[in-house]
Amino acid sequence: MASSVAAQPRMAPAVLRLFFHDCFINGCDASILLDATPFSCSEKDVEPNASLIGYTVIDDIKSALEHDCPATVSCADVIALASHDAVALLGGPTWSVPLGRKDSRLAASPESTENGLPSPHDDLGELVTMFSKLNLNARDMTALSGAHTVGMANCMHYSDRVYGTDRDEEIDPSFTQTMQQTCQGPSGKASFDVQTPMGFDNAYYKNLIARRGLLSSDQTLYGGGGLQDNLVEMYSADGEAFARDFAKAMVKMGNVPPPMGMPVEVRLKCSMANNY
């Protein structure tokens, strides 16, 4: 993982994002890695996953493991471990990663994938509902959302916030102007955190308080008052509290199992089921 990130730093947030997208759909079963077959679709091809990268990083790690320790470490465990290392390489917290996950032989349906992932346009209630399906509470949700302290978003995911229907009347005007400049066409991108875009810190929460959240689903975490605002303010003021809660929430999310009855195995190659 370290060599991959040294060669391409963007692979650290990319692999972390892979883990989130995998766990939200049928649990942490590496189904996000399966390629399409003549008999089944791939989760990779569904719109919310279209911009995912980092598959080659996981494949390279798995290939090395198969050489040294065949048919032992699942692809699901590889993603979990790689995500941990990605956060550590970005300067974030470390934690003990529980192991023993199995790989699904089947990808989720396109409909399940589309409906199972949080949207950049979700409001707070929709996010709470989405995370609760994984037995993640508001504190977990708020801490995990702090992963947006690194990485980038495509223009299509924040254009409505800075131009149109999702626009926030209290949004920082200078932030709006800057983001509009990055969003002149479909290929535009912007960092979630302009100040420290590749540093895993608590700047994400400071940005929310300053009304500088990039996505509507980011900014919705702050401004409504009550416990939710208290969480954002706590993480903004106390980076250690954020790091501690993020690590706990990553373990909790990483323990979400696939549905009962789902056929599982330890894949030999992450992009295809065994004996296909």
C-alpha atoms as a PDB file:
ATOM      1  CA  MET A   1       0.000   0.000   0.000  1.00  0.00           C
ATOM      2  CA  ALA A   2       2.804   2.396   0.878  1.00  0.00           C
ATOM      3  CA  SER A   3       4.487   1.954  -2.502  1.00  0.00           C
ATOM      4  CA  SER A   4       1.197   2.478  -4.359  1.00  0.00           C
ATOM      5  CA  VAL A   5       0.497   5.701  -2.470  1.00  0.00           C
ATOM      6  CA  ALA A   6       4.069   6.906  -2.943  1.00  0.00           C
ATOM      7  CA  ALA A   7       3.661   6.450  -6.699  1.00  0.00           C
ATOM      8  CA  GLN A   8       0.111   7.861  -6.828  1.00  0.00           C
ATOM      9  CA  PRO A   9      -0.972   9.713  -3.666  1.00  0.00           C
ATOM     10  CA  ARG A  10      -4.597   9.829  -4.815  1.00  0.00           C
ATOM     11  CA  MET A  11      -4.777   6.067  -4.283  1.00  0.00           C
ATOM     12  CA  ALA A  12      -5.030   6.549  -0.518  1.00  0.00           C
ATOM     13  CA  PRO A  13      -8.428   8.302  -0.554  1.00  0.00           C
ATOM     14  CA  ALA A  14      -9.458   6.127  -3.507  1.00  0.00           C
ATOM     15  CA  VAL A  15      -8.995   2.872  -1.586  1.00  0.00           C
ATOM     16  CA  LEU A  16     -10.750   4.309   1.457  1.00  0.00           C
ATOM     17  CA  ARG A  17     -13.705   5.188  -0.770  1.00  0.00           C
ATOM     18  CA  LEU A  18     -13.723   1.638  -2.167  1.00  0.00           C
ATOM     19  CA  PHE A  19     -14.153   0.284   1.347  1.00  0.00           C
ATOM     20  CA  PHE A  20     -17.126   2.561   2.046  1.00  0.00           C
ATOM     21  CA  HIS A  21     -18.832   1.669  -1.222  1.00  0.00           C
ATOM     22  CA  ASP A  22     -18.259  -2.037  -0.645  1.00  0.00           C
ATOM     23  CA  CYS A  23     -19.591  -2.109   2.913  1.00  0.00           C
ATOM     24  CA  PHE A  24     -22.727  -0.109   2.123  1.00  0.00           C
ATOM     25  CA  ILE A  25     -23.878  -2.679  -0.446  1.00  0.00           C
ATOM     26  CA  ASN A  26     -24.560  -6.111   1.067  1.00  0.00           C
ATOM     27  CA  GLY A  27     -21.876  -5.668   3.717  1.00  0.00           C
ATOM     28  CA  CYS A  28     -18.085  -5.830   3.509  1.00  0.00           C
ATOM     29  CA  ASP A  29     -17.831  -8.724   1.069  1.00  0.00           C
ATOM     30  CA  ALA A  30     -15.616  -7.347  -1.734  1.00  0.00           C
ATOM     31  CA  SER A  31     -18.546  -7.546  -4.161  1.00  0.00           C
ATOM     32  CA  ILE A  32     -17.495  -4.110  -5.452  1.00  0.00           C
ATOM     33  CA  LEU A  33     -14.437  -5.791  -7.005  1.00  0.00           C
ATOM     34  CA  LEU A  34     -16.317  -8.331  -9.144  1.00  0.00           C
ATOM     35  CA  ASP A  35     -16.261  -7.746 -12.890  1.00  0.00           C
ATOM     36  CA  ALA A  36     -19.385  -8.249 -14.982  1.00  0.00           C
ATOM     37  CA  THR A  37     -20.008 -11.682 -16.495  1.00  0.00           C
ATOM     38  CA  PRO A  38     -22.429 -12.868 -19.175  1.00  0.00           C
ATOM     39  CA  PHE A  39     -24.743 -13.823 -16.312  1.00  0.00           C
ATOM     40  CA  SER A  40     -24.391 -10.922 -13.874  1.00  0.00           C
ATOM     41  CA  CYS A  41     -23.799  -7.189 -13.741  1.00  0.00           C
ATOM     42  CA  SER A  42     -20.965  -5.501 -11.899  1.00  0.00           C
ATOM     43  CA  GLU A  43     -21.395  -2.980  -9.112  1.00  0.00           C
ATOM     44  CA  LYS A  44     -18.534  -1.088 -10.755  1.00  0.00           C
ATOM     45  CA  ASP A  45     -20.790  -0.096 -13.642  1.00  0.00           C
ATOM     46  CA  VAL A  46     -23.559   1.523 -11.583  1.00  0.00           C
ATOM     47  CA  GLU A  47     -23.458   5.336 -11.713  1.00  0.00           C
ATOM     48  CA  PRO A  48     -22.512   6.043  -8.064  1.00  0.00           C
ATOM     49  CA  ASN A  49     -19.490   3.748  -8.514  1.00  0.00           C
ATOM     50  CA  ALA A  50     -18.472   4.917 -11.980  1.00  0.00           C
ATOM     51  CA  SER A  51     -15.758   7.234 -10.650  1.00  0.00           C
ATOM     52  CA  LEU A  52     -14.201   4.686  -8.282  1.00  0.00           C
ATOM     53  CA  ILE A  53     -10.540   3.875  -8.811  1.00  0.00           C
ATOM     54  CA  GLY A  54      -8.001   1.882  -6.836  1.00  0.00           C
ATOM     55  CA  TYR A  55      -8.958  -1.582  -8.053  1.00  0.00           C
ATOM     56  CA  THR A  56      -5.425  -2.250  -9.308  1.00  0.00           C
ATOM     57  CA  VAL A  57      -4.008  -1.464  -5.868  1.00  0.00           C
ATOM     58  CA  ILE A  58      -6.181  -4.155  -4.297  1.00  0.00           C
ATOM     59  CA  ASP A  59      -5.379  -6.581  -7.120  1.00  0.00           C
ATOM     60  CA  ASP A  60      -1.632  -6.059  -6.649  1.00  0.00           C
ATOM     61  CA  ILE A  61      -1.844  -6.658  -2.894  1.00  0.00           C
ATOM     62  CA  LYS A  62      -3.976  -9.760  -3.405  1.00  0.00           C
ATOM     63  CA  SER A  63      -1.570 -11.121  -6.014  1.00  0.00           C
ATOM     64  CA  ALA A  64       1.347 -10.789  -3.594  1.00  0.00           C
ATOM     65  CA  LEU A  65      -0.664 -12.504  -0.858  1.00  0.00           C
ATOM     66  CA  GLU A  66      -1.640 -15.381  -3.138  1.00  0.00           C
ATOM     67  CA  HIS A  67       2.011 -15.908  -3.968  1.00  0.00           C
ATOM     68  CA  ASP A  68       3.067 -16.101  -0.317  1.00  0.00           C
ATOM     69  CA  CYS A  69      -0.072 -17.426   1.377  1.00  0.00           C
ATOM     70  CA  PRO A  70      -2.493 -18.961  -1.151  1.00  0.00           C
ATOM     71  CA  ALA A  71      -6.266 -19.043  -0.620  1.00  0.00           C
ATOM     72  CA  THR A  72      -6.047 -17.569   2.882  1.00  0.00           C
ATOM     73  CA  VAL A  73      -6.653 -13.800   2.936  1.00  0.00           C
ATOM     74  CA  SER A  74      -9.981 -12.706   1.466  1.00  0.00           C
ATOM     75  CA  CYS A  75     -10.329  -9.749  -0.867  1.00  0.00           C
ATOM     76  CA  ALA A  76     -12.720  -8.230   1.681  1.00  0.00           C
ATOM     77  CA  ASP A  77      -9.973  -8.343   4.305  1.00  0.00           C
ATOM     78  CA  VAL A  78      -7.522  -6.851   1.808  1.00  0.00           C
ATOM     79  CA  ILE A  79      -9.795  -3.828   1.282  1.00  0.00           C
ATOM     80  CA  ALA A  80     -10.235  -3.388   5.041  1.00  0.00           C
ATOM     81  CA  LEU A  81      -6.500  -3.584   5.712  1.00  0.00           C
ATOM     82  CA  ALA A  82      -5.625  -1.342   2.773  1.00  0.00           C
ATOM     83  CA  SER A  83      -8.131   1.264   3.975  1.00  0.00           C
ATOM     84  CA  HIS A  84      -6.538   1.250   7.411  1.00  0.00           C
ATOM     85  CA  ASP A  85      -3.108   1.751   5.866  1.00  0.00           C
ATOM     86  CA  ALA A  86      -4.431   4.483   3.566  1.00  0.00           C
ATOM     87  CA  VAL A  87      -5.679   6.502   6.533  1.00  0.00           C
ATOM     88  CA  ALA A  88      -2.401   5.975   8.405  1.00  0.00           C
ATOM     89  CA  LEU A  89      -0.358   7.060   5.373  1.00  0.00           C
ATOM     90  CA  LEU A  90      -2.421  10.247   5.205  1.00  0.00           C
ATOM     91  CA  GLY A  91      -1.575  11.032   8.819  1.00  0.00           C
ATOM     92  CA  GLY A  92      -4.780   9.704  10.336  1.00  0.00           C
ATOM     93  CA  PRO A  93      -5.456   7.286  13.184  1.00  0.00           C
ATOM     94  CA  THR A  94      -4.651   3.590  13.334  1.00  0.00           C
ATOM     95  CA  TRP A  95      -6.735   0.766  14.772  1.00  0.00           C
ATOM     96  CA  SER A  96      -6.781  -2.988  15.071  1.00  0.00           C
ATOM     97  CA  VAL A  97      -8.527  -4.413  11.990  1.00  0.00           C
ATOM     98  CA  PRO A  98     -10.684  -7.477  12.730  1.00  0.00           C
ATOM     99  CA  LEU A  99     -10.147 -10.165  10.088  1.00  0.00           C
ATOM    100  CA  GLY A 100     -12.022 -13.202   8.839  1.00  0.00           C
ATOM    101  CA  ARG A 101     -14.327 -11.643   6.238  1.00  0.00           C
ATOM    102  CA  LYS A 102     -15.396 -13.732   3.278  1.00  0.00           C
ATOM    103  CA  ASP A 103     -15.884 -12.719  -0.343  1.00  0.00           C
ATOM    104  CA  SER A 104     -19.279 -12.855  -1.973  1.00  0.00           C
ATOM    105  CA  ARG A 105     -19.585 -14.872  -5.163  1.00  0.00           C
ATOM    106  CA  LEU A 106     -22.305 -12.524  -6.402  1.00  0.00           C
ATOM    107  CA  ALA A 107     -22.519  -8.804  -7.031  1.00  0.00           C
ATOM    108  CA  ALA A 108     -25.537  -6.831  -5.864  1.00  0.00           C
ATOM    109  CA  SER A 109     -28.155  -5.873  -8.429  1.00  0.00           C
ATOM    110  CA  PRO A 110     -27.853  -2.442 -10.084  1.00  0.00           C
ATOM    111  CA  GLU A 111     -31.017  -1.326  -8.287  1.00  0.00           C
ATOM    112  CA  SER A 112     -29.700  -2.390  -4.879  1.00  0.00           C
ATOM    113  CA  THR A 113     -26.389  -0.678  -5.551  1.00  0.00           C
ATOM    114  CA  GLU A 114     -28.033   2.530  -6.731  1.00  0.00           C
ATOM    115  CA  ASN A 115     -30.379   2.687  -3.744  1.00  0.00           C
ATOM    116  CA  GLY A 116     -27.899   1.523  -1.125  1.00  0.00           C
ATOM    117  CA  LEU A 117     -25.338   4.309  -1.378  1.00  0.00           C
ATOM    118  CA  PRO A 118     -25.671   7.777   0.130  1.00  0.00           C
ATOM    119  CA  SER A 119     -26.267  10.506  -2.438  1.00  0.00           C
ATOM    120  CA  PRO A 120     -24.363  13.822  -2.620  1.00  0.00           C
ATOM    121  CA  HIS A 121     -27.788  15.468  -2.401  1.00  0.00           C
ATOM    122  CA  ASP A 122     -29.097  13.619   0.679  1.00  0.00           C
ATOM    123  CA  ASP A 123     -30.393  15.652   3.594  1.00  0.00           C
ATOM    124  CA  LEU A 124     -29.645  14.803   7.215  1.00  0.00           C
ATOM    125  CA  GLY A 125     -32.687  12.584   7.693  1.00  0.00           C
ATOM    126  CA  GLU A 126     -31.887  10.575   4.579  1.00  0.00           C
ATOM    127  CA  LEU A 127     -28.290  10.096   5.697  1.00  0.00           C
ATOM    128  CA  VAL A 128     -29.329   8.972   9.174  1.00  0.00           C
ATOM    129  CA  THR A 129     -31.689   6.418   7.623  1.00  0.00           C
ATOM    130  CA  MET A 130     -29.024   5.180   5.202  1.00  0.00           C
ATOM    131  CA  PHE A 131     -26.379   4.723   7.894  1.00  0.00           C
ATOM    132  CA  SER A 132     -28.831   3.143  10.335  1.00  0.00           C
ATOM    133  CA  LYS A 133     -29.341   0.283   7.868  1.00  0.00           C
ATOM    134  CA  LEU A 134     -25.749  -0.679   8.665  1.00  0.00           C
ATOM    135  CA  ASN A 135     -26.382  -0.282  12.400  1.00  0.00           C
ATOM    136  CA  LEU A 136     -24.369   2.956  12.364  1.00  0.00           C
ATOM    137  CA  ASN A 137     -25.690   5.769  14.541  1.00  0.00           C
ATOM    138  CA  ALA A 138     -25.460   9.554  14.134  1.00  0.00           C
ATOM    139  CA  ARG A 139     -22.097   9.704  15.882  1.00  0.00           C
ATOM    140  CA  ASP A 140     -20.699   6.978  13.609  1.00  0.00           C
ATOM    141  CA  MET A 141     -22.122   8.758  10.563  1.00  0.00           C
ATOM    142  CA  THR A 142     -20.632  12.106  11.531  1.00  0.00           C
ATOM    143  CA  ALA A 143     -17.218  10.608  12.255  1.00  0.00           C
ATOM    144  CA  LEU A 144     -17.147   8.531   9.067  1.00  0.00           C
ATOM    145  CA  SER A 145     -18.174  11.559   7.017  1.00  0.00           C
ATOM    146  CA  GLY A 146     -14.877  13.078   8.134  1.00  0.00           C
ATOM    147  CA  ALA A 147     -13.213  10.864   5.521  1.00  0.00           C
ATOM    148  CA  HIS A 148     -14.103  13.761   3.225  1.00  0.00           C
ATOM    149  CA  THR A 149     -11.182  15.599   4.755  1.00  0.00           C
ATOM    150  CA  VAL A 150      -9.216  14.003   1.888  1.00  0.00           C
ATOM    151  CA  GLY A 151      -9.919  13.323  -1.764  1.00  0.00           C
ATOM    152  CA  MET A 152     -11.894  15.084  -4.450  1.00  0.00           C
ATOM    153  CA  ALA A 153     -15.416  15.227  -5.865  1.00  0.00           C
ATOM    154  CA  ASN A 154     -16.554  15.503  -9.467  1.00  0.00           C
ATOM    155  CA  CYS A 155     -18.305  18.677 -10.582  1.00  0.00           C
ATOM    156  CA  MET A 156     -21.545  16.803 -11.254  1.00  0.00           C
ATOM    157  CA  HIS A 157     -21.806  16.025  -7.537  1.00  0.00           C
ATOM    158  CA  TYR A 158     -21.504  19.594  -6.252  1.00  0.00           C
ATOM    159  CA  SER A 159     -22.729  21.738  -9.159  1.00  0.00           C
ATOM    160  CA  ASP A 160     -26.239  21.984  -7.701  1.00  0.00           C
ATOM    161  CA  ARG A 161     -24.790  23.188  -4.407  1.00  0.00           C
ATOM    162  CA  VAL A 162     -22.809  26.059  -5.932  1.00  0.00           C
ATOM    163  CA  TYR A 163     -25.101  26.863  -8.866  1.00  0.00           C
ATOM    164  CA  GLY A 164     -28.585  25.537  -8.481  1.00  0.00           C
ATOM    165  CA  THR A 165     -31.276  23.693  -6.602  1.00  0.00           C
ATOM    166  CA  ASP A 166     -29.226  22.671  -3.559  1.00  0.00           C
ATOM    167  CA  ARG A 167     -27.716  26.105  -3.083  1.00  0.00           C
ATOM    168  CA  ASP A 168     -27.454  27.181   0.531  1.00  0.00           C
ATOM    169  CA  GLU A 169     -28.320  30.815   1.220  1.00  0.00           C
ATOM    170  CA  GLU A 170     -25.731  30.862   4.009  1.00  0.00           C
ATOM    171  CA  ILE A 171     -22.929  29.317   1.933  1.00  0.00           C
ATOM    172  CA  ASP A 172     -19.637  31.210   2.099  1.00  0.00           C
ATOM    173  CA  PRO A 173     -19.704  33.529  -0.982  1.00  0.00           C
ATOM    174  CA  SER A 174     -15.968  33.260  -1.646  1.00  0.00           C
ATOM    175  CA  PHE A 175     -16.213  29.480  -1.440  1.00  0.00           C
ATOM    176  CA  THR A 176     -19.066  29.522  -3.955  1.00  0.00           C
ATOM    177  CA  GLN A 177     -17.016  31.599  -6.372  1.00  0.00           C
ATOM    178  CA  THR A 178     -13.977  29.342  -6.060  1.00  0.00           C
ATOM    179  CA  MET A 179     -16.009  26.168  -6.530  1.00  0.00           C
ATOM    180  CA  GLN A 180     -17.819  27.597  -9.551  1.00  0.00           C
ATOM    181  CA  GLN A 181     -14.423  28.135 -11.160  1.00  0.00           C
ATOM    182  CA  THR A 182     -13.622  24.437 -10.703  1.00  0.00           C
ATOM    183  CA  CYS A 183     -17.001  23.396 -12.092  1.00  0.00           C
ATOM    184  CA  GLN A 184     -17.117  24.774 -15.627  1.00  0.00           C
ATOM    185  CA  GLY A 185     -17.709  21.390 -17.245  1.00  0.00           C
ATOM    186  CA  PRO A 186     -18.232  17.688 -16.541  1.00  0.00           C
ATOM    187  CA  SER A 187     -14.501  17.045 -16.094  1.00  0.00           C
ATOM    188  CA  GLY A 188     -14.185  19.584 -13.277  1.00  0.00           C
ATOM    189  CA  LYS A 189     -13.114  18.456  -9.812  1.00  0.00           C
ATOM    190  CA  ALA A 190     -12.505  20.038  -6.434  1.00  0.00           C
ATOM    191  CA  SER A 191     -10.891  18.946  -3.180  1.00  0.00           C
ATOM    192  CA  PHE A 192     -13.209  18.407  -0.249  1.00  0.00           C
ATOM    193  CA  ASP A 193     -10.723  20.297   1.903  1.00  0.00           C
ATOM    194  CA  VAL A 194      -8.762  22.971   0.043  1.00  0.00           C
ATOM    195  CA  GLN A 195      -6.499  23.772   2.993  1.00  0.00           C
ATOM    196  CA  THR A 196      -5.081  20.279   3.614  1.00  0.00           C
ATOM    197  CA  PRO A 197      -6.429  18.131   0.747  1.00  0.00           C
ATOM    198  CA  MET A 198      -4.168  15.151   1.467  1.00  0.00           C
ATOM    199  CA  GLY A 199      -3.957  15.414   5.235  1.00  0.00           C
ATOM    200  CA  PHE A 200      -6.266  13.301   7.388  1.00  0.00           C
ATOM    201  CA  ASP A 201      -7.271  15.915   9.949  1.00  0.00           C
ATOM    202  CA  ASN A 202     -10.369  17.602  11.363  1.00  0.00           C
ATOM    203  CA  ALA A 203     -10.438  20.461   8.836  1.00  0.00           C
ATOM    204  CA  TYR A 204     -13.589  18.956   7.289  1.00  0.00           C
ATOM    205  CA  TYR A 205     -15.597  19.958  10.355  1.00  0.00           C
ATOM    206  CA  LYS A 206     -14.094  23.432  10.480  1.00  0.00           C
ATOM    207  CA  ASN A 207     -15.237  23.862   6.878  1.00  0.00           C
ATOM    208  CA  LEU A 208     -18.781  22.802   7.742  1.00  0.00           C
ATOM    209  CA  ILE A 209     -18.985  25.411  10.491  1.00  0.00           C
ATOM    210  CA  ALA A 210     -17.691  28.011   8.008  1.00  0.00           C
ATOM    211  CA  ARG A 211     -20.413  26.923   5.511  1.00  0.00           C
ATOM    212  CA  ARG A 212     -17.760  25.576   3.154  1.00  0.00           C
ATOM    213  CA  GLY A 213     -18.906  21.961   2.834  1.00  0.00           C
ATOM    214  CA  LEU A 214     -18.418  20.827  -0.764  1.00  0.00           C
ATOM    215  CA  LEU A 215     -21.402  18.494  -1.126  1.00  0.00           C
ATOM    216  CA  SER A 216     -24.924  19.186   0.034  1.00  0.00           C
ATOM    217  CA  SER A 217     -24.676  15.925   1.980  1.00  0.00           C
ATOM    218  CA  ASP A 218     -21.620  17.336   3.756  1.00  0.00           C
ATOM    219  CA  GLN A 219     -23.122  20.668   4.743  1.00  0.00           C
ATOM    220  CA  THR A 220     -26.374  19.083   5.925  1.00  0.00           C
ATOM    221  CA  LEU A 221     -24.427  17.708   8.901  1.00  0.00           C
ATOM    222  CA  TYR A 222     -24.225  21.194  10.375  1.00  0.00           C
ATOM    223  CA  GLY A 223     -26.638  24.051  10.853  1.00  0.00           C
ATOM    224  CA  GLY A 224     -29.775  22.382  12.133  1.00  0.00           C
ATOM    225  CA  GLY A 225     -28.900  22.673  15.799  1.00  0.00           C
ATOM    226  CA  GLY A 226     -29.016  20.075  18.549  1.00  0.00           C
ATOM    227  CA  LEU A 227     -26.807  17.035  19.039  1.00  0.00           C
ATOM    228  CA  GLN A 228     -25.767  16.914  15.396  1.00  0.00           C
ATOM    229  CA  ASP A 229     -24.251  20.400  15.530  1.00  0.00           C
ATOM    230  CA  ASN A 230     -22.624  19.515  18.842  1.00  0.00           C
ATOM    231  CA  LEU A 231     -20.826  16.573  17.218  1.00  0.00           C
ATOM    232  CA  VAL A 232     -19.463  18.702  14.376  1.00  0.00           C
ATOM    233  CA  GLU A 233     -18.345  21.400  16.808  1.00  0.00           C
ATOM    234  CA  MET A 234     -16.660  18.815  19.036  1.00  0.00           C
ATOM    235  CA  TYR A 235     -14.705  17.279  16.156  1.00  0.00           C
ATOM    236  CA  SER A 236     -13.795  20.731  14.868  1.00  0.00           C
ATOM    237  CA  ALA A 237     -12.325  21.678  18.236  1.00  0.00           C
ATOM    238  CA  ASP A 238     -10.818  18.293  19.146  1.00  0.00           C
ATOM    239  CA  GLY A 239      -8.946  16.425  16.427  1.00  0.00           C
ATOM    240  CA  GLU A 240      -8.139  13.577  18.805  1.00  0.00           C
ATOM    241  CA  ALA A 241     -11.832  12.999  19.499  1.00  0.00           C
ATOM    242  CA  PHE A 242     -12.465  12.818  15.756  1.00  0.00           C
ATOM    243  CA  ALA A 243      -9.587  10.394  15.216  1.00  0.00           C
ATOM    244  CA  ARG A 244     -10.766   8.174  18.072  1.00  0.00           C
ATOM    245  CA  ASP A 245     -14.392   8.088  16.922  1.00  0.00           C
ATOM    246  CA  PHE A 246     -13.428   7.617  13.279  1.00  0.00           C
ATOM    247  CA  ALA A 247     -11.342   4.563  14.156  1.00  0.00           C
ATOM    248  CA  LYS A 248     -14.179   3.070  16.214  1.00  0.00           C
ATOM    249  CA  ALA A 249     -16.688   3.698  13.433  1.00  0.00           C
ATOM    250  CA  MET A 250     -14.401   2.142  10.816  1.00  0.00           C
ATOM    251  CA  VAL A 251     -14.236  -1.061  12.866  1.00  0.00           C
ATOM    252  CA  LYS A 252     -18.011  -1.014  13.286  1.00  0.00           C
ATOM    253  CA  MET A 253     -18.654  -0.442   9.583  1.00  0.00           C
ATOM    254  CA  GLY A 254     -16.035  -3.018   8.647  1.00  0.00           C
ATOM    255  CA  ASN A 255     -17.910  -5.654  10.641  1.00  0.00           C
ATOM    256  CA  VAL A 256     -21.102  -5.353   8.578  1.00  0.00           C
ATOM    257  CA  PRO A 257     -21.585  -8.896   7.200  1.00  0.00           C
ATOM    258  CA  PRO A 258     -23.120  -9.982   3.899  1.00  0.00           C
ATOM    259  CA  PRO A 259     -26.773 -11.090   4.013  1.00  0.00           C
ATOM    260  CA  MET A 260     -27.577 -14.483   5.497  1.00  0.00           C
ATOM    261  CA  GLY A 261     -27.472 -17.172   2.849  1.00  0.00           C
ATOM    262  CA  MET A 262     -25.158 -15.261   0.523  1.00  0.00           C
ATOM    263  CA  PRO A 263     -22.654 -17.703  -1.048  1.00  0.00           C
ATOM    264  CA  VAL A 264     -19.174 -16.704   0.094  1.00  0.00           C
ATOM    265  CA  GLU A 265     -15.593 -17.876  -0.300  1.00  0.00           C
ATOM    266  CA  VAL A 266     -12.004 -16.651  -0.262  1.00  0.00           C
ATOM    267  CA  ARG A 267     -11.517 -15.526  -3.840  1.00  0.00           C
ATOM    268  CA  LEU A 268      -8.229 -16.348  -5.534  1.00  0.00           C
ATOM    269  CA  LYS A 269      -8.632 -13.351  -7.826  1.00  0.00           C
ATOM    270  CA  CYS A 270     -10.602 -10.366  -6.596  1.00  0.00           C
ATOM    271  CA  SER A 271     -12.325  -9.561  -9.883  1.00  0.00           C
ATOM    272  CA  MET A 272     -13.964 -12.965 -10.320  1.00  0.00           C
ATOM    273  CA  ALA A 273     -15.504 -15.762  -8.292  1.00  0.00           C
ATOM    274  CA  ASN A 274     -13.562 -19.004  -7.987  1.00  0.00           C
ATOM    275  CA  ASN A 275     -14.178 -21.727 -10.574  1.00  0.00           C
ATOM    276  CA  TYR A 276     -16.010 -19.297 -12.801  1.00  0.00           C
END
